[in-house]
Full PDB file with SEQRES, HELIX, SHEET, SSBOND, CRYST1, ORIGX, SCALE, CONECT and MASTER records, all heavy atoms in Angstrom:
SEQRES   1 A   31  VAL GLY ASN HIS VAL GLU VAL PHE THR SER GLU ASN LEU          
SEQRES   2 A   31  PRO ALA CYS LEU SER ASN LYS ALA ASN PHE GLN ILE SER          
SEQRES   3 A   31  PRO GLU GLY THR GLU                                          
HELIX    1 AA1 LYS A   20  ASN A   22  5                                   3    
CRYST1    1.000    1.000    1.000  90.00  90.00  90.00 P 1           1          
ORIGX1      1.000000  0.000000  0.000000        0.00000                         
ORIGX2      0.000000  1.000000  0.000000        0.00000                         
ORIGX3      0.000000  0.000000  1.000000        0.00000                         
SCALE1      1.000000  0.000000  0.000000        0.00000                         
SCALE2      0.000000  1.000000  0.000000        0.00000                         
SCALE3      0.000000  0.000000  1.000000        0.00000                         
ATOM      1  N   VAL A   1       0.863  -1.182   0.000  1.00  0.00           N  
ATOM      2  CA  VAL A   1       0.000   0.000   0.000  1.00  0.00           C  
ATOM      3  C   VAL A   1       0.896   1.228   0.000  1.00  0.00           C  
ATOM      4  O   VAL A   1       1.592   1.492   0.982  1.00  0.00           O  
ATOM      5  CB  VAL A   1      -0.916   0.018   1.248  1.00  0.00           C  
ATOM      6  CG1 VAL A   1      -1.809   1.244   1.240  1.00  0.00           C  
ATOM      7  CG2 VAL A   1      -1.747  -1.245   1.333  1.00  0.00           C  
ATOM      8  N   GLY A   2       0.895   1.970  -1.100  1.00  0.00           N  
ATOM      9  CA  GLY A   2       1.759   3.158  -1.189  1.00  0.00           C  
ATOM     10  C   GLY A   2       3.215   2.780  -1.061  1.00  0.00           C  
ATOM     11  O   GLY A   2       3.711   1.926  -1.789  1.00  0.00           O  
ATOM     12  N   ASN A   3       3.908   3.388  -0.107  1.00  0.00           N  
ATOM     13  CA  ASN A   3       5.328   3.103   0.127  1.00  0.00           C  
ATOM     14  C   ASN A   3       5.541   2.083   1.234  1.00  0.00           C  
ATOM     15  O   ASN A   3       6.653   1.926   1.726  1.00  0.00           O  
ATOM     16  CB  ASN A   3       6.083   4.391   0.486  1.00  0.00           C  
ATOM     17  CG  ASN A   3       6.173   5.336  -0.682  1.00  0.00           C  
ATOM     18  OD1 ASN A   3       6.181   4.908  -1.831  1.00  0.00           O  
ATOM     19  ND2 ASN A   3       6.218   6.626  -0.402  1.00  0.00           N  
ATOM     20  N   HIS A   4       4.480   1.391   1.663  1.00  0.00           N  
ATOM     21  CA  HIS A   4       4.564   0.455   2.777  1.00  0.00           C  
ATOM     22  C   HIS A   4       4.089  -0.931   2.360  1.00  0.00           C  
ATOM     23  O   HIS A   4       3.338  -1.083   1.409  1.00  0.00           O  
ATOM     24  CB  HIS A   4       3.702   0.944   3.949  1.00  0.00           C  
ATOM     25  CG  HIS A   4       4.137   2.254   4.493  1.00  0.00           C  
ATOM     26  ND1 HIS A   4       3.770   3.452   3.926  1.00  0.00           N  
ATOM     27  CD2 HIS A   4       4.915   2.560   5.551  1.00  0.00           C  
ATOM     28  CE1 HIS A   4       4.306   4.444   4.617  1.00  0.00           C  
ATOM     29  NE2 HIS A   4       5.007   3.925   5.606  1.00  0.00           N  
ATOM     30  N   VAL A   5       4.531  -1.913   3.117  1.00  0.00           N  
ATOM     31  CA  VAL A   5       4.030  -3.277   2.958  1.00  0.00           C  
ATOM     32  C   VAL A   5       3.480  -3.706   4.313  1.00  0.00           C  
ATOM     33  O   VAL A   5       4.194  -3.685   5.316  1.00  0.00           O  
ATOM     34  CB  VAL A   5       5.134  -4.251   2.502  1.00  0.00           C  
ATOM     35  CG1 VAL A   5       4.609  -5.682   2.459  1.00  0.00           C  
ATOM     36  CG2 VAL A   5       5.665  -3.846   1.134  1.00  0.00           C  
ATOM     37  N   GLU A   6       2.204  -4.058   4.324  1.00  0.00           N  
ATOM     38  CA  GLU A   6       1.569  -4.523   5.551  1.00  0.00           C  
ATOM     39  C   GLU A   6       1.712  -6.034   5.632  1.00  0.00           C  
ATOM     40  O   GLU A   6       1.632  -6.727   4.617  1.00  0.00           O  
ATOM     41  CB  GLU A   6       0.090  -4.154   5.548  1.00  0.00           C  
ATOM     42  CG  GLU A   6      -0.151  -2.660   5.503  1.00  0.00           C  
ATOM     43  CD  GLU A   6      -1.623  -2.318   5.344  1.00  0.00           C  
ATOM     44  OE1 GLU A   6      -2.372  -3.117   4.740  1.00  0.00           O  
ATOM     45  OE2 GLU A   6      -2.023  -1.252   5.833  1.00  0.00           O  
ATOM     46  N   VAL A   7       1.925  -6.555   6.849  1.00  0.00           N  
ATOM     47  CA  VAL A   7       2.006  -7.991   7.082  1.00  0.00           C  
ATOM     48  C   VAL A   7       0.774  -8.386   7.884  1.00  0.00           C  
ATOM     49  O   VAL A   7       0.537  -7.865   8.975  1.00  0.00           O  
ATOM     50  CB  VAL A   7       3.278  -8.375   7.871  1.00  0.00           C  
ATOM     51  CG1 VAL A   7       3.326  -9.881   8.119  1.00  0.00           C  
ATOM     52  CG2 VAL A   7       4.526  -7.901   7.145  1.00  0.00           C  
ATOM     53  N   PHE A   8      -0.028  -9.288   7.315  1.00  0.00           N  
ATOM     54  CA  PHE A   8      -1.224  -9.769   7.989  1.00  0.00           C  
ATOM     55  C   PHE A   8      -0.934 -11.138   8.599  1.00  0.00           C  
ATOM     56  O   PHE A   8      -0.351 -12.006   7.942  1.00  0.00           O  
ATOM     57  CB  PHE A   8      -2.400  -9.877   7.010  1.00  0.00           C  
ATOM     58  CG  PHE A   8      -2.890  -8.535   6.541  1.00  0.00           C  
ATOM     59  CD1 PHE A   8      -2.304  -7.897   5.454  1.00  0.00           C  
ATOM     60  CD2 PHE A   8      -3.932  -7.902   7.190  1.00  0.00           C  
ATOM     61  CE1 PHE A   8      -2.746  -6.667   5.017  1.00  0.00           C  
ATOM     62  CE2 PHE A   8      -4.390  -6.669   6.770  1.00  0.00           C  
ATOM     63  CZ  PHE A   8      -3.788  -6.037   5.678  1.00  0.00           C  
ATOM     64  N   THR A   9      -1.345 -11.310   9.856  1.00  0.00           N  
ATOM     65  CA  THR A   9      -1.102 -12.541  10.617  1.00  0.00           C  
ATOM     66  C   THR A   9      -2.414 -12.968  11.272  1.00  0.00           C  
ATOM     67  O   THR A   9      -3.479 -12.490  10.895  1.00  0.00           O  
ATOM     68  CB  THR A   9      -0.041 -12.287  11.699  1.00  0.00           C  
ATOM     69  OG1 THR A   9      -0.575 -11.352  12.649  1.00  0.00           O  
ATOM     70  CG2 THR A   9       1.259 -11.754  11.119  1.00  0.00           C  
ATOM     71  N   SER A  10      -2.316 -13.794  12.290  1.00  0.00           N  
ATOM     72  CA  SER A  10      -3.505 -14.238  13.031  1.00  0.00           C  
ATOM     73  C   SER A  10      -4.244 -13.065  13.657  1.00  0.00           C  
ATOM     74  O   SER A  10      -5.429 -13.160  13.937  1.00  0.00           O  
ATOM     75  CB  SER A  10      -3.103 -15.228  14.120  1.00  0.00           C  
ATOM     76  OG  SER A  10      -2.295 -14.592  15.092  1.00  0.00           O  
ATOM     77  N   GLU A  11      -3.554 -11.963  13.880  1.00  0.00           N  
ATOM     78  CA  GLU A  11      -4.212 -10.784  14.437  1.00  0.00           C  
ATOM     79  C   GLU A  11      -5.316 -10.287  13.495  1.00  0.00           C  
ATOM     80  O   GLU A  11      -6.329  -9.768  13.945  1.00  0.00           O  
ATOM     81  CB  GLU A  11      -3.185  -9.682  14.679  1.00  0.00           C  
ATOM     82  CG  GLU A  11      -3.776  -8.432  15.298  1.00  0.00           C  
ATOM     83  CD  GLU A  11      -2.716  -7.402  15.601  1.00  0.00           C  
ATOM     84  OE1 GLU A  11      -2.045  -6.925  14.666  1.00  0.00           O  
ATOM     85  OE2 GLU A  11      -2.569  -7.079  16.782  1.00  0.00           O  
ATOM     86  N   ASN A  12      -5.103 -10.473  12.193  1.00  0.00           N  
ATOM     87  CA  ASN A  12      -6.071 -10.023  11.200  1.00  0.00           C  
ATOM     88  C   ASN A  12      -7.056 -11.105  10.800  1.00  0.00           C  
ATOM     89  O   ASN A  12      -8.241 -10.844  10.651  1.00  0.00           O  
ATOM     90  CB  ASN A  12      -5.328  -9.516   9.956  1.00  0.00           C  
ATOM     91  CG  ASN A  12      -4.242  -8.538  10.303  1.00  0.00           C  
ATOM     92  OD1 ASN A  12      -3.087  -8.924  10.424  1.00  0.00           O  
ATOM     93  ND2 ASN A  12      -4.594  -7.289  10.521  1.00  0.00           N  
ATOM     94  N   LEU A  13      -6.560 -12.316  10.586  1.00  0.00           N  
ATOM     95  CA  LEU A  13      -7.389 -13.448  10.163  1.00  0.00           C  
ATOM     96  C   LEU A  13      -7.010 -14.667  10.994  1.00  0.00           C  
ATOM     97  O   LEU A  13      -6.250 -15.526  10.555  1.00  0.00           O  
ATOM     98  CB  LEU A  13      -7.186 -13.735   8.671  1.00  0.00           C  
ATOM     99  CG  LEU A  13      -7.569 -12.606   7.707  1.00  0.00           C  
ATOM    100  CD1 LEU A  13      -7.017 -12.875   6.315  1.00  0.00           C  
ATOM    101  CD2 LEU A  13      -9.074 -12.442   7.659  1.00  0.00           C  
ATOM    102  N   PRO A  14      -7.526 -14.781  12.208  1.00  0.00           N  
ATOM    103  CA  PRO A  14      -7.082 -15.836  13.123  1.00  0.00           C  
ATOM    104  C   PRO A  14      -7.357 -17.258  12.648  1.00  0.00           C  
ATOM    105  O   PRO A  14      -6.643 -18.178  13.026  1.00  0.00           O  
ATOM    106  CB  PRO A  14      -7.832 -15.548  14.426  1.00  0.00           C  
ATOM    107  CG  PRO A  14      -8.857 -14.539  14.096  1.00  0.00           C  
ATOM    108  CD  PRO A  14      -8.499 -13.894  12.807  1.00  0.00           C  
ATOM    109  N   ALA A  15      -8.334 -17.453  11.804  1.00  0.00           N  
ATOM    110  CA  ALA A  15      -8.684 -18.818  11.380  1.00  0.00           C  
ATOM    111  C   ALA A  15      -7.727 -19.379  10.329  1.00  0.00           C  
ATOM    112  O   ALA A  15      -7.626 -20.599  10.193  1.00  0.00           O  
ATOM    113  CB  ALA A  15     -10.108 -18.846  10.839  1.00  0.00           C  
ATOM    114  N   CYS A  16      -7.025 -18.499   9.591  1.00  0.00           N  
ATOM    115  CA  CYS A  16      -6.242 -19.055   8.482  1.00  0.00           C  
ATOM    116  C   CYS A  16      -4.806 -18.549   8.379  1.00  0.00           C  
ATOM    117  O   CYS A  16      -4.079 -18.987   7.490  1.00  0.00           O  
ATOM    118  CB  CYS A  16      -6.974 -18.827   7.167  1.00  0.00           C  
ATOM    119  SG  CYS A  16      -7.278 -17.105   6.777  1.00  0.00           S  
ATOM    120  N   LEU A  17      -4.363 -17.660   9.263  1.00  0.00           N  
ATOM    121  CA  LEU A  17      -2.985 -17.178   9.195  1.00  0.00           C  
ATOM    122  C   LEU A  17      -2.242 -17.535  10.479  1.00  0.00           C  
ATOM    123  O   LEU A  17      -2.842 -17.788  11.518  1.00  0.00           O  
ATOM    124  CB  LEU A  17      -2.953 -15.665   8.968  1.00  0.00           C  
ATOM    125  CG  LEU A  17      -3.570 -15.190   7.654  1.00  0.00           C  
ATOM    126  CD1 LEU A  17      -3.506 -13.670   7.567  1.00  0.00           C  
ATOM    127  CD2 LEU A  17      -2.894 -15.820   6.459  1.00  0.00           C  
ATOM    128  N   SER A  18      -0.920 -17.542  10.396  1.00  0.00           N  
ATOM    129  CA  SER A  18      -0.083 -17.960  11.519  1.00  0.00           C  
ATOM    130  C   SER A  18      -0.136 -16.972  12.681  1.00  0.00           C  
ATOM    131  O   SER A  18      -0.407 -15.783  12.508  1.00  0.00           O  
ATOM    132  CB  SER A  18       1.356 -18.132  11.058  1.00  0.00           C  
ATOM    133  OG  SER A  18       1.432 -19.231  10.180  1.00  0.00           O  
ATOM    134  N   ASN A  19       0.186 -17.515  13.855  1.00  0.00           N  
ATOM    135  CA  ASN A  19       0.129 -16.768  15.108  1.00  0.00           C  
ATOM    136  C   ASN A  19       1.056 -15.557  15.072  1.00  0.00           C  
ATOM    137  O   ASN A  19       2.246 -15.678  14.779  1.00  0.00           O  
ATOM    138  CB  ASN A  19       0.524 -17.703  16.249  1.00  0.00           C  
ATOM    139  CG  ASN A  19       0.283 -17.104  17.599  1.00  0.00           C  
ATOM    140  OD1 ASN A  19       0.280 -15.893  17.777  1.00  0.00           O  
ATOM    141  ND2 ASN A  19       0.094 -17.970  18.577  1.00  0.00           N  
ATOM    142  N   LYS A  20       0.518 -14.401  15.419  1.00  0.00           N  
ATOM    143  CA  LYS A  20       1.292 -13.165  15.423  1.00  0.00           C  
ATOM    144  C   LYS A  20       2.532 -13.269  16.303  1.00  0.00           C  
ATOM    145  O   LYS A  20       3.568 -12.674  16.012  1.00  0.00           O  
ATOM    146  CB  LYS A  20       0.417 -12.006  15.890  1.00  0.00           C  
ATOM    147  CG  LYS A  20       1.145 -10.700  15.923  1.00  0.00           C  
ATOM    148  CD  LYS A  20       0.319  -9.592  16.504  1.00  0.00           C  
ATOM    149  CE  LYS A  20       1.173  -8.338  16.545  1.00  0.00           C  
ATOM    150  NZ  LYS A  20       0.599  -7.307  17.347  1.00  0.00           N  
ATOM    151  N   ALA A  21       2.461 -14.048  17.386  1.00  0.00           N  
ATOM    152  CA  ALA A  21       3.596 -14.194  18.312  1.00  0.00           C  
ATOM    153  C   ALA A  21       4.819 -14.821  17.644  1.00  0.00           C  
ATOM    154  O   ALA A  21       5.933 -14.681  18.138  1.00  0.00           O  
ATOM    155  CB  ALA A  21       3.179 -15.036  19.516  1.00  0.00           C  
ATOM    156  N   ASN A  22       4.643 -15.483  16.501  1.00  0.00           N  
ATOM    157  CA  ASN A  22       5.757 -16.130  15.801  1.00  0.00           C  
ATOM    158  C   ASN A  22       6.513 -15.187  14.863  1.00  0.00           C  
ATOM    159  O   ASN A  22       7.491 -15.588  14.248  1.00  0.00           O  
ATOM    160  CB  ASN A  22       5.253 -17.333  15.000  1.00  0.00           C  
ATOM    161  CG  ASN A  22       4.704 -18.414  15.890  1.00  0.00           C  
ATOM    162  OD1 ASN A  22       5.054 -18.515  17.052  1.00  0.00           O  
ATOM    163  ND2 ASN A  22       3.837 -19.239  15.344  1.00  0.00           N  
ATOM    164  N   PHE A  23       6.057 -13.945  14.736  1.00  0.00           N  
ATOM    165  CA  PHE A  23       6.665 -12.971  13.837  1.00  0.00           C  
ATOM    166  C   PHE A  23       7.414 -11.917  14.640  1.00  0.00           C  
ATOM    167  O   PHE A  23       6.883 -11.359  15.588  1.00  0.00           O  
ATOM    168  CB  PHE A  23       5.590 -12.263  13.000  1.00  0.00           C  
ATOM    169  CG  PHE A  23       4.862 -13.154  12.035  1.00  0.00           C  
ATOM    170  CD1 PHE A  23       3.773 -13.901  12.451  1.00  0.00           C  
ATOM    171  CD2 PHE A  23       5.256 -13.233  10.715  1.00  0.00           C  
ATOM    172  CE1 PHE A  23       3.089 -14.719  11.568  1.00  0.00           C  
ATOM    173  CE2 PHE A  23       4.577 -14.048   9.825  1.00  0.00           C  
ATOM    174  CZ  PHE A  23       3.496 -14.785  10.251  1.00  0.00           C  
ATOM    175  N   GLN A  24       8.657 -11.648  14.247  1.00  0.00           N  
ATOM    176  CA  GLN A  24       9.432 -10.565  14.844  1.00  0.00           C  
ATOM    177  C   GLN A  24       9.855  -9.640  13.702  1.00  0.00           C  
ATOM    178  O   GLN A  24      10.699 -10.014  12.876  1.00  0.00           O  
ATOM    179  CB  GLN A  24      10.674 -11.074  15.569  1.00  0.00           C  
ATOM    180  CG  GLN A  24      10.368 -11.926  16.793  1.00  0.00           C  
ATOM    181  CD  GLN A  24      10.144 -13.387  16.453  1.00  0.00           C  
ATOM    182  OE1 GLN A  24      10.829 -13.952  15.615  1.00  0.00           O  
ATOM    183  NE2 GLN A  24       9.159 -14.006  17.081  1.00  0.00           N  
ATOM    184  N   ILE A  25       9.268  -8.437  13.677  1.00  0.00           N  
ATOM    185  CA  ILE A  25       9.558  -7.470  12.618  1.00  0.00           C  
ATOM    186  C   ILE A  25      10.740  -6.617  13.045  1.00  0.00           C  
ATOM    187  O   ILE A  25      10.824  -6.175  14.196  1.00  0.00           O  
ATOM    188  CB  ILE A  25       8.323  -6.614  12.305  1.00  0.00           C  
ATOM    189  CG1 ILE A  25       7.207  -7.524  11.783  1.00  0.00           C  
ATOM    190  CG2 ILE A  25       8.651  -5.513  11.300  1.00  0.00           C  
ATOM    191  CD1 ILE A  25       5.904  -6.843  11.474  1.00  0.00           C  
ATOM    192  N   SER A  26      11.658  -6.367  12.103  1.00  0.00           N  
ATOM    193  CA  SER A  26      12.857  -5.578  12.411  1.00  0.00           C  
ATOM    194  C   SER A  26      12.464  -4.130  12.718  1.00  0.00           C  
ATOM    195  O   SER A  26      11.424  -3.645  12.271  1.00  0.00           O  
ATOM    196  CB  SER A  26      13.824  -5.600  11.225  1.00  0.00           C  
ATOM    197  OG  SER A  26      13.308  -4.819  10.154  1.00  0.00           O  
ATOM    198  N   PRO A  27      13.304  -3.420  13.481  1.00  0.00           N  
ATOM    199  CA  PRO A  27      13.006  -2.011  13.795  1.00  0.00           C  
ATOM    200  C   PRO A  27      12.856  -1.142  12.540  1.00  0.00           C  
ATOM    201  O   PRO A  27      12.078  -0.204  12.527  1.00  0.00           O  
ATOM    202  CB  PRO A  27      14.214  -1.561  14.629  1.00  0.00           C  
ATOM    203  CG  PRO A  27      14.797  -2.819  15.183  1.00  0.00           C  
ATOM    204  CD  PRO A  27      14.507  -3.892  14.156  1.00  0.00           C  
ATOM    205  N   GLU A  28      13.583  -1.491  11.475  1.00  0.00           N  
ATOM    206  CA  GLU A  28      13.495  -0.723  10.235  1.00  0.00           C  
ATOM    207  C   GLU A  28      12.214  -1.031   9.461  1.00  0.00           C  
ATOM    208  O   GLU A  28      11.815  -0.295   8.582  1.00  0.00           O  
ATOM    209  CB  GLU A  28      14.691  -1.012   9.311  1.00  0.00           C  
ATOM    210  CG  GLU A  28      16.034  -0.735   9.923  1.00  0.00           C  
ATOM    211  CD  GLU A  28      16.520  -1.906  10.779  1.00  0.00           C  
ATOM    212  OE1 GLU A  28      16.101  -3.064  10.562  1.00  0.00           O  
ATOM    213  OE2 GLU A  28      17.314  -1.661  11.689  1.00  0.00           O  
ATOM    214  N   GLY A  29      11.602  -2.172   9.781  1.00  0.00           N  
ATOM    215  CA  GLY A  29      10.368  -2.567   9.108  1.00  0.00           C  
ATOM    216  C   GLY A  29      10.557  -3.134   7.710  1.00  0.00           C  
ATOM    217  O   GLY A  29       9.603  -3.290   6.966  1.00  0.00           O  
ATOM    218  N   THR A  30      11.791  -3.485   7.346  1.00  0.00           N  
ATOM    219  CA  THR A  30      12.054  -4.002   6.002  1.00  0.00           C  
ATOM    220  C   THR A  30      12.257  -5.504   5.972  1.00  0.00           C  
ATOM    221  O   THR A  30      12.469  -6.077   4.902  1.00  0.00           O  
ATOM    222  CB  THR A  30      13.309  -3.336   5.401  1.00  0.00           C  
ATOM    223  OG1 THR A  30      14.403  -3.570   6.288  1.00  0.00           O  
ATOM    224  CG2 THR A  30      13.098  -1.847   5.205  1.00  0.00           C  
ATOM    225  N   GLU A  31      12.200  -6.143   7.124  1.00  0.00           N  
ATOM    226  CA  GLU A  31      12.366  -7.597   7.178  1.00  0.00           C  
ATOM    227  C   GLU A  31      11.682  -8.130   8.431  1.00  0.00           C  
ATOM    228  O   GLU A  31      11.393  -7.381   9.361  1.00  0.00           O  
ATOM    229  CB  GLU A  31      13.832  -7.991   7.161  1.00  0.00           C  
ATOM    230  CG  GLU A  31      14.625  -7.464   8.340  1.00  0.00           C  
ATOM    231  CD  GLU A  31      16.107  -7.707   8.197  1.00  0.00           C  
ATOM    232  OE1 GLU A  31      16.737  -7.038   7.354  1.00  0.00           O  
ATOM    233  OE2 GLU A  31      16.631  -8.569   8.925  1.00  0.00           O  
TER     234      GLU A  31                                                      
MASTER        0    0    0    1    0    0    0    6  233    1    0    3          
END                                                                             
């Protein structure tokens, strides 16, 4: 979206995406 990339996890779709607790986003937000 624009200049950003959103990451959707269980927080957004709990029935079909992986648990948000398993994701660690870098401080820069690029990985």
